[in-house]
PDB file of N, CA and C in Angstrom:
ATOM      1  N   MET A   1     -20.580  35.181 -29.889  1.00  0.00           N
ATOM      2  CA  MET A   1     -19.700  36.443 -29.499  1.00  0.00           C
ATOM      3  C   MET A   1     -18.647  36.911 -30.796  1.00  0.00           C
ATOM      4  N   ILE A   2     -17.464  37.715 -30.215  1.00  0.00           N
ATOM      5  CA  ILE A   2     -16.940  38.929 -30.771  1.00  0.00           C
ATOM      6  C   ILE A   2     -15.875  38.293 -30.857  1.00  0.00           C
ATOM      7  N   GLU A   3     -14.844  38.436 -31.748  1.00  0.00           N
ATOM      8  CA  GLU A   3     -13.569  37.984 -32.145  1.00  0.00           C
ATOM      9  C   GLU A   3     -12.809  39.587 -31.140  1.00  0.00           C
ATOM     10  N   PHE A   4     -12.168  39.854 -30.347  1.00  0.00           N
ATOM     11  CA  PHE A   4     -11.940  40.329 -29.140  1.00  0.00           C
ATOM     12  C   PHE A   4     -10.464  41.088 -29.894  1.00  0.00           C
ATOM     13  N   ALA A   5     -10.145  41.930 -29.997  1.00  0.00           N
ATOM     14  CA  ALA A   5      -9.165  42.786 -30.640  1.00  0.00           C
ATOM     15  C   ALA A   5      -8.134  42.651 -29.244  1.00  0.00           C
ATOM     16  N   PRO A   6      -6.664  42.243 -29.468  1.00  0.00           N
ATOM     17  CA  PRO A   6      -5.705  41.655 -28.418  1.00  0.00           C
ATOM     18  C   PRO A   6      -5.552  43.016 -27.496  1.00  0.00           C
ATOM     19  N   ASP A   7      -4.984  44.714 -28.396  1.00  0.00           N
ATOM     20  CA  ASP A   7      -4.780  46.000 -27.874  1.00  0.00           C
ATOM     21  C   ASP A   7      -5.456  46.390 -27.453  1.00  0.00           C
ATOM     22  N   ILE A   8      -7.265  46.358 -27.307  1.00  0.00           N
ATOM     23  CA  ILE A   8      -8.139  47.171 -26.851  1.00  0.00           C
ATOM     24  C   ILE A   8      -9.179  46.534 -26.019  1.00  0.00           C
ATOM     25  N   PRO A   9      -9.041  47.522 -24.775  1.00  0.00           N
ATOM     26  CA  PRO A   9      -9.622  46.518 -23.784  1.00  0.00           C
ATOM     27  C   PRO A   9     -10.911  45.960 -23.824  1.00  0.00           C
ATOM     28  N   ARG A  10     -11.309  44.736 -23.576  1.00  0.00           N
ATOM     29  CA  ARG A  10     -13.055  43.535 -24.242  1.00  0.00           C
ATOM     30  C   ARG A  10     -14.000  45.080 -23.405  1.00  0.00           C
ATOM     31  N   TRP A  11     -13.922  45.615 -22.655  1.00  0.00           N
ATOM     32  CA  TRP A  11     -15.606  46.437 -22.218  1.00  0.00           C
ATOM     33  C   TRP A  11     -15.762  47.105 -22.769  1.00  0.00           C
ATOM     34  N   ARG A  12     -14.284  47.733 -23.918  1.00  0.00           N
ATOM     35  CA  ARG A  12     -14.310  49.431 -24.384  1.00  0.00           C
ATOM     36  C   ARG A  12     -14.688  48.602 -26.116  1.00  0.00           C
ATOM     37  N   GLN A  13     -14.692  47.320 -26.246  1.00  0.00           N
ATOM     38  CA  GLN A  13     -14.649  47.122 -27.921  1.00  0.00           C
ATOM     39  C   GLN A  13     -16.968  45.935 -27.674  1.00  0.00           C
ATOM     40  N   VAL A  14     -16.415  45.519 -26.373  1.00  0.00           N
ATOM     41  CA  VAL A  14     -18.864  45.908 -26.091  1.00  0.00           C
ATOM     42  C   VAL A  14     -19.244  46.950 -26.090  1.00  0.00           C
ATOM     43  N   ALA A  15     -18.656  47.676 -25.526  1.00  0.00           N
ATOM     44  CA  ALA A  15     -19.148  49.348 -25.285  1.00  0.00           C
ATOM     45  C   ALA A  15     -19.270  49.903 -26.732  1.00  0.00           C
ATOM     46  N   ASP A  16     -18.190  49.497 -27.503  1.00  0.00           N
ATOM     47  CA  ASP A  16     -18.797  49.881 -28.316  1.00  0.00           C
ATOM     48  C   ASP A  16     -19.730  49.875 -30.019  1.00  0.00           C
ATOM     49  N   VAL A  17     -19.649  48.264 -29.618  1.00  0.00           N
ATOM     50  CA  VAL A  17     -20.942  47.109 -30.366  1.00  0.00           C
ATOM     51  C   VAL A  17     -21.964  47.632 -30.126  1.00  0.00           C
ATOM     52  N   ILE A  18     -22.280  47.906 -28.303  1.00  0.00           N
ATOM     53  CA  ILE A  18     -23.648  48.491 -27.845  1.00  0.00           C
ATOM     54  C   ILE A  18     -24.213  49.611 -28.054  1.00  0.00           C
ATOM     55  N   ARG A  19     -23.340  50.987 -28.330  1.00  0.00           N
ATOM     56  CA  ARG A  19     -22.916  52.113 -29.294  1.00  0.00           C
ATOM     57  C   ARG A  19     -23.691  51.660 -30.335  1.00  0.00           C
ATOM     58  N   LYS A  20     -23.307  51.078 -31.305  1.00  0.00           N
ATOM     59  CA  LYS A  20     -23.170  51.096 -32.623  1.00  0.00           C
ATOM     60  C   LYS A  20     -25.264  50.337 -32.764  1.00  0.00           C
ATOM     61  N   ARG A  21     -25.239  49.779 -31.614  1.00  0.00           N
ATOM     62  CA  ARG A  21     -27.148  49.174 -31.494  1.00  0.00           C
ATOM     63  C   ARG A  21     -27.757  50.160 -31.058  1.00  0.00           C
ATOM     64  N   ILE A  22     -27.153  51.178 -30.631  1.00  0.00           N
ATOM     65  CA  ILE A  22     -27.827  52.384 -29.994  1.00  0.00           C
ATOM     66  C   ILE A  22     -27.907  53.210 -31.641  1.00  0.00           C
ATOM     67  N   GLU A  23     -26.980  53.734 -31.987  1.00  0.00           N
ATOM     68  CA  GLU A  23     -26.665  54.797 -32.992  1.00  0.00           C
ATOM     69  C   GLU A  23     -27.438  54.281 -34.388  1.00  0.00           C
ATOM     70  N   ASP A  24     -27.621  53.064 -34.889  1.00  0.00           N
ATOM     71  CA  ASP A  24     -28.358  52.260 -35.593  1.00  0.00           C
ATOM     72  C   ASP A  24     -29.839  51.834 -35.496  1.00  0.00           C
ATOM     73  N   GLY A  25     -30.158  52.771 -33.770  1.00  0.00           N
ATOM     74  CA  GLY A  25     -31.750  52.321 -34.096  1.00  0.00           C
ATOM     75  C   GLY A  25     -32.301  50.764 -33.611  1.00  0.00           C
ATOM     76  N   THR A  26     -31.235  49.999 -33.906  1.00  0.00           N
ATOM     77  CA  THR A  26     -31.920  47.952 -33.180  1.00  0.00           C
ATOM     78  C   THR A  26     -31.916  48.821 -31.493  1.00  0.00           C
ATOM     79  N   TYR A  27     -31.202  49.909 -31.366  1.00  0.00           N
ATOM     80  CA  TYR A  27     -32.036  50.204 -29.318  1.00  0.00           C
ATOM     81  C   TYR A  27     -32.253  51.419 -29.506  1.00  0.00           C
ATOM     82  N   PRO A  28     -33.700  51.347 -29.433  1.00  0.00           N
ATOM     83  CA  PRO A  28     -34.417  52.642 -29.861  1.00  0.00           C
ATOM     84  C   PRO A  28     -34.396  53.952 -28.426  1.00  0.00           C
ATOM     85  N   PRO A  29     -34.859  54.432 -28.836  1.00  0.00           N
ATOM     86  CA  PRO A  29     -34.870  55.350 -27.236  1.00  0.00           C
ATOM     87  C   PRO A  29     -35.978  54.956 -26.662  1.00  0.00           C
ATOM     88  N   ARG A  30     -34.953  54.312 -25.339  1.00  0.00           N
ATOM     89  CA  ARG A  30     -36.250  54.186 -23.677  1.00  0.00           C
ATOM     90  C   ARG A  30     -36.281  52.397 -24.325  1.00  0.00           C
ATOM     91  N   ALA A  31     -35.804  51.925 -25.116  1.00  0.00           N
ATOM     92  CA  ALA A  31     -35.381  50.682 -25.088  1.00  0.00           C
ATOM     93  C   ALA A  31     -34.300  49.989 -24.235  1.00  0.00           C
ATOM     94  N   ARG A  32     -34.831  48.487 -23.938  1.00  0.00           N
ATOM     95  CA  ARG A  32     -33.695  48.234 -22.364  1.00  0.00           C
ATOM     96  C   ARG A  32     -32.430  47.850 -23.258  1.00  0.00           C
ATOM     97  N   VAL A  33     -31.389  48.073 -22.561  1.00  0.00           N
ATOM     98  CA  VAL A  33     -30.073  47.283 -23.224  1.00  0.00           C
ATOM     99  C   VAL A  33     -30.200  46.221 -23.122  1.00  0.00           C
ATOM    100  N   PRO A  34     -29.174  45.056 -23.045  1.00  0.00           N
ATOM    101  CA  PRO A  34     -28.775  43.855 -22.206  1.00  0.00           C
ATOM    102  C   PRO A  34     -28.010  44.416 -21.161  1.00  0.00           C
ATOM    103  N   SER A  35     -28.504  43.413 -20.545  1.00  0.00           N
ATOM    104  CA  SER A  35     -27.969  43.259 -18.414  1.00  0.00           C
ATOM    105  C   SER A  35     -26.851  42.711 -18.836  1.00  0.00           C
ATOM    106  N   VAL A  36     -26.238  42.723 -17.317  1.00  0.00           N
ATOM    107  CA  VAL A  36     -24.732  42.106 -17.033  1.00  0.00           C
ATOM    108  C   VAL A  36     -25.136  40.686 -17.174  1.00  0.00           C
ATOM    109  N   VAL A  37     -26.207  40.479 -16.963  1.00  0.00           N
ATOM    110  CA  VAL A  37     -26.072  38.663 -17.505  1.00  0.00           C
ATOM    111  C   VAL A  37     -26.441  38.061 -18.589  1.00  0.00           C
ATOM    112  N   GLN A  38     -27.107  39.139 -19.976  1.00  0.00           N
ATOM    113  CA  GLN A  38     -27.412  38.505 -20.996  1.00  0.00           C
ATOM    114  C   GLN A  38     -25.576  39.373 -21.379  1.00  0.00           C
ATOM    115  N   LEU A  39     -24.962  40.731 -21.738  1.00  0.00           N
ATOM    116  CA  LEU A  39     -23.437  41.068 -21.796  1.00  0.00           C
ATOM    117  C   LEU A  39     -22.579  39.650 -21.511  1.00  0.00           C
ATOM    118  N   THR A  40     -22.673  39.462 -20.294  1.00  0.00           N
ATOM    119  CA  THR A  40     -21.412  37.665 -20.015  1.00  0.00           C
ATOM    120  C   THR A  40     -21.968  36.860 -21.191  1.00  0.00           C
ATOM    121  N   GLY A  41     -22.909  36.399 -21.258  1.00  0.00           N
ATOM    122  CA  GLY A  41     -23.342  35.571 -22.190  1.00  0.00           C
ATOM    123  C   GLY A  41     -23.803  35.726 -23.777  1.00  0.00           C
ATOM    124  N   GLU A  42     -23.789  37.010 -24.309  1.00  0.00           N
ATOM    125  CA  GLU A  42     -23.327  37.131 -25.970  1.00  0.00           C
ATOM    126  C   GLU A  42     -21.931  37.360 -25.962  1.00  0.00           C
ATOM    127  N   PHE A  43     -21.229  38.118 -24.676  1.00  0.00           N
ATOM    128  CA  PHE A  43     -20.184  38.003 -25.888  1.00  0.00           C
ATOM    129  C   PHE A  43     -18.655  37.855 -24.834  1.00  0.00           C
ATOM    130  N   GLY A  44     -19.413  36.749 -23.317  1.00  0.00           N
ATOM    131  CA  GLY A  44     -18.211  35.850 -22.773  1.00  0.00           C
ATOM    132  C   GLY A  44     -16.939  36.599 -21.610  1.00  0.00           C
ATOM    133  N   ILE A  45     -18.011  37.890 -21.439  1.00  0.00           N
ATOM    134  CA  ILE A  45     -16.866  38.320 -20.483  1.00  0.00           C
ATOM    135  C   ILE A  45     -17.563  38.233 -19.108  1.00  0.00           C
ATOM    136  N   ALA A  46     -16.629  38.737 -18.500  1.00  0.00           N
ATOM    137  CA  ALA A  46     -17.052  38.440 -17.039  1.00  0.00           C
ATOM    138  C   ALA A  46     -18.207  39.725 -16.322  1.00  0.00           C
ATOM    139  N   ASN A  47     -18.487  39.022 -15.258  1.00  0.00           N
ATOM    140  CA  ASN A  47     -19.969  40.580 -14.791  1.00  0.00           C
ATOM    141  C   ASN A  47     -18.906  41.750 -14.425  1.00  0.00           C
ATOM    142  N   ALA A  48     -17.455  41.289 -14.069  1.00  0.00           N
ATOM    143  CA  ALA A  48     -17.475  43.336 -13.108  1.00  0.00           C
ATOM    144  C   ALA A  48     -16.632  43.952 -14.637  1.00  0.00           C
ATOM    145  N   THR A  49     -16.218  42.849 -16.123  1.00  0.00           N
ATOM    146  CA  THR A  49     -16.126  43.932 -17.339  1.00  0.00           C
ATOM    147  C   THR A  49     -17.466  45.035 -18.114  1.00  0.00           C
ATOM    148  N   ALA A  50     -18.690  43.646 -17.747  1.00  0.00           N
ATOM    149  CA  ALA A  50     -20.271  44.288 -18.212  1.00  0.00           C
ATOM    150  C   ALA A  50     -20.429  45.064 -17.286  1.00  0.00           C
ATOM    151  N   HIS A  51     -20.390  45.181 -16.886  1.00  0.00           N
ATOM    152  CA  HIS A  51     -20.511  46.692 -15.247  1.00  0.00           C
ATOM    153  C   HIS A  51     -20.343  47.881 -15.544  1.00  0.00           C
ATOM    154  N   LYS A  52     -18.676  47.254 -16.146  1.00  0.00           N
ATOM    155  CA  LYS A  52     -17.531  48.509 -16.988  1.00  0.00           C
ATOM    156  C   LYS A  52     -18.060  49.003 -17.901  1.00  0.00           C
ATOM    157  N   VAL A  53     -19.151  47.763 -19.005  1.00  0.00           N
ATOM    158  CA  VAL A  53     -19.908  48.117 -20.439  1.00  0.00           C
ATOM    159  C   VAL A  53     -20.772  49.353 -19.728  1.00  0.00           C
ATOM    160  N   LEU A  54     -21.318  48.724 -19.164  1.00  0.00           N
ATOM    161  CA  LEU A  54     -22.947  49.048 -18.792  1.00  0.00           C
ATOM    162  C   LEU A  54     -22.868  51.588 -17.951  1.00  0.00           C
ATOM    163  N   SER A  55     -21.866  51.265 -17.113  1.00  0.00           N
ATOM    164  CA  SER A  55     -20.936  52.300 -16.980  1.00  0.00           C
ATOM    165  C   SER A  55     -20.380  53.100 -17.534  1.00  0.00           C
ATOM    166  N   ALA A  56     -19.495  52.529 -18.441  1.00  0.00           N
ATOM    167  CA  ALA A  56     -18.850  53.772 -19.539  1.00  0.00           C
ATOM    168  C   ALA A  56     -20.676  54.363 -20.580  1.00  0.00           C
ATOM    169  N   LEU A  57     -21.284  53.573 -20.701  1.00  0.00           N
ATOM    170  CA  LEU A  57     -22.702  54.244 -21.119  1.00  0.00           C
ATOM    171  C   LEU A  57     -23.396  55.125 -20.598  1.00  0.00           C
ATOM    172  N   ARG A  58     -23.358  54.626 -19.849  1.00  0.00           N
ATOM    173  CA  ARG A  58     -24.218  55.913 -18.659  1.00  0.00           C
ATOM    174  C   ARG A  58     -22.922  57.133 -18.386  1.00  0.00           C
ATOM    175  N   THR A  59     -21.918  57.091 -18.679  1.00  0.00           N
ATOM    176  CA  THR A  59     -21.196  57.968 -18.325  1.00  0.00           C
ATOM    177  C   THR A  59     -21.576  58.738 -19.639  1.00  0.00           C
ATOM    178  N   GLU A  60     -21.769  58.436 -20.892  1.00  0.00           N
ATOM    179  CA  GLU A  60     -20.928  58.963 -21.989  1.00  0.00           C
ATOM    180  C   GLU A  60     -22.950  59.361 -22.576  1.00  0.00           C
ATOM    181  N   GLY A  61     -23.604  59.190 -21.539  1.00  0.00           N
ATOM    182  CA  GLY A  61     -25.238  59.950 -22.187  1.00  0.00           C
ATOM    183  C   GLY A  61     -25.957  58.809 -22.559  1.00  0.00           C
ATOM    184  N   LEU A  62     -25.406  58.104 -22.846  1.00  0.00           N
ATOM    185  CA  LEU A  62     -26.633  57.233 -24.143  1.00  0.00           C
ATOM    186  C   LEU A  62     -27.428  56.517 -23.113  1.00  0.00           C
ATOM    187  N   THR A  63     -27.431  55.593 -22.172  1.00  0.00           N
ATOM    188  CA  THR A  63     -27.768  54.951 -21.029  1.00  0.00           C
ATOM    189  C   THR A  63     -28.765  56.005 -20.135  1.00  0.00           C
ATOM    190  N   TYR A  64     -29.671  55.369 -19.168  1.00  0.00           N
ATOM    191  CA  TYR A  64     -29.599  55.511 -18.136  1.00  0.00           C
ATOM    192  C   TYR A  64     -30.452  54.630 -17.065  1.00  0.00           C
ATOM    193  N   THR A  65     -30.093  54.478 -16.129  1.00  0.00           N
ATOM    194  CA  THR A  65     -30.413  53.137 -15.084  1.00  0.00           C
ATOM    195  C   THR A  65     -31.714  53.441 -14.320  1.00  0.00           C
ATOM    196  N   GLU A  66     -32.734  52.616 -14.211  1.00  0.00           N
ATOM    197  CA  GLU A  66     -33.826  52.320 -13.381  1.00  0.00           C
ATOM    198  C   GLU A  66     -33.488  51.294 -12.121  1.00  0.00           C
ATOM    199  N   PRO A  67     -33.310  51.553 -11.331  1.00  0.00           N
ATOM    200  CA  PRO A  67     -33.403  50.459 -10.393  1.00  0.00           C
ATOM    201  C   PRO A  67     -34.191  49.354 -10.527  1.00  0.00           C
ATOM    202  N   GLY A  68     -33.648  48.498 -10.071  1.00  0.00           N
ATOM    203  CA  GLY A  68     -34.647  46.966 -10.499  1.00  0.00           C
ATOM    204  C   GLY A  68     -34.870  47.096 -11.762  1.00  0.00           C
ATOM    205  N   LEU A  69     -34.774  47.646 -12.662  1.00  0.00           N
ATOM    206  CA  LEU A  69     -35.963  47.130 -13.951  1.00  0.00           C
ATOM    207  C   LEU A  69     -34.724  46.714 -14.426  1.00  0.00           C
ATOM    208  N   GLY A  70     -33.385  47.679 -14.866  1.00  0.00           N
ATOM    209  CA  GLY A  70     -32.116  47.569 -16.116  1.00  0.00           C
ATOM    210  C   GLY A  70     -32.126  48.879 -16.388  1.00  0.00           C
ATOM    211  N   SER A  71     -31.158  49.089 -17.482  1.00  0.00           N
ATOM    212  CA  SER A  71     -30.772  49.981 -18.423  1.00  0.00           C
ATOM    213  C   SER A  71     -31.498  50.480 -19.364  1.00  0.00           C
ATOM    214  N   PHE A  72     -31.751  51.269 -20.319  1.00  0.00           N
ATOM    215  CA  PHE A  72     -32.407  52.333 -20.774  1.00  0.00           C
ATOM    216  C   PHE A  72     -32.060  52.869 -21.753  1.00  0.00           C
ATOM    217  N   VAL A  73     -31.736  53.121 -22.779  1.00  0.00           N
ATOM    218  CA  VAL A  73     -31.320  54.534 -23.676  1.00  0.00           C
ATOM    219  C   VAL A  73     -32.031  55.384 -23.794  1.00  0.00           C
ATOM    220  N   SER A  74     -31.341  56.584 -23.378  1.00  0.00           N
ATOM    221  CA  SER A  74     -31.711  57.749 -23.305  1.00  0.00           C
ATOM    222  C   SER A  74     -32.331  58.199 -24.249  1.00  0.00           C
ATOM    223  N   TYR A  75     -33.270  59.074 -24.591  1.00  0.00           N
ATOM    224  CA  TYR A  75     -33.571  59.445 -25.612  1.00  0.00           C
ATOM    225  C   TYR A  75     -32.192  60.878 -26.359  1.00  0.00           C
ATOM    226  N   GLU A  76     -31.798  61.414 -25.520  1.00  0.00           N
ATOM    227  CA  GLU A  76     -30.626  62.906 -25.498  1.00  0.00           C
ATOM    228  C   GLU A  76     -29.633  61.939 -25.768  1.00  0.00           C
ATOM    229  N   GLY A  77     -29.269  60.618 -25.491  1.00  0.00           N
ATOM    230  CA  GLY A  77     -28.019  60.273 -25.703  1.00  0.00           C
ATOM    231  C   GLY A  77     -28.292  60.033 -27.183  1.00  0.00           C
ATOM    232  N   ARG A  78     -29.511  59.486 -27.890  1.00  0.00           N
ATOM    233  CA  ARG A  78     -29.871  58.917 -29.141  1.00  0.00           C
ATOM    234  C   ARG A  78     -29.908  59.959 -30.013  1.00  0.00           C
ATOM    235  N   GLN A  79     -30.141  60.999 -30.038  1.00  0.00           N
ATOM    236  CA  GLN A  79     -30.253  62.496 -30.597  1.00  0.00           C
ATOM    237  C   GLN A  79     -28.603  62.884 -30.415  1.00  0.00           C
ATOM    238  N   SER A  80     -27.617  62.951 -29.936  1.00  0.00           N
ATOM    239  CA  SER A  80     -26.248  63.422 -29.327  1.00  0.00           C
ATOM    240  C   SER A  80     -25.568  62.680 -30.628  1.00  0.00           C
ATOM    241  N   THR A  81     -26.204  61.174 -30.786  1.00  0.00           N
ATOM    242  CA  THR A  81     -25.157  60.660 -31.203  1.00  0.00           C
ATOM    243  C   THR A  81     -25.327  60.857 -33.226  1.00  0.00           C
ATOM    244  N   GLU A  82     -27.172  61.453 -33.601  1.00  0.00           N
ATOM    245  CA  GLU A  82     -26.875  61.718 -34.864  1.00  0.00           C
ATOM    246  C   GLU A  82     -26.580  63.050 -35.186  1.00  0.00           C
ATOM    247  N   LYS A  83     -26.048  64.023 -34.313  1.00  0.00           N
ATOM    248  CA  LYS A  83     -25.335  64.592 -35.016  1.00  0.00           C
ATOM    249  C   LYS A  83     -24.088  64.997 -35.534  1.00  0.00           C
TER     250      LYS A  83
END
């Protein structure tokens, strides 16, 4: 687990961690990103917070969701972070 800064929303801090993992290639294009259950376990956050993390990454274009399969790194999102 990470130590959360008290003045920044937890969902934003977790989204920053996942975003950095996408940018550094830990999660390459089309790789699955952690699920809600995995995020709650790794970061000790609530389900609603984990949903907000995944929603934020999707809104930024970094990930896309395949119903029933999970969330994945979008190729376009990865490209735009490297510019």
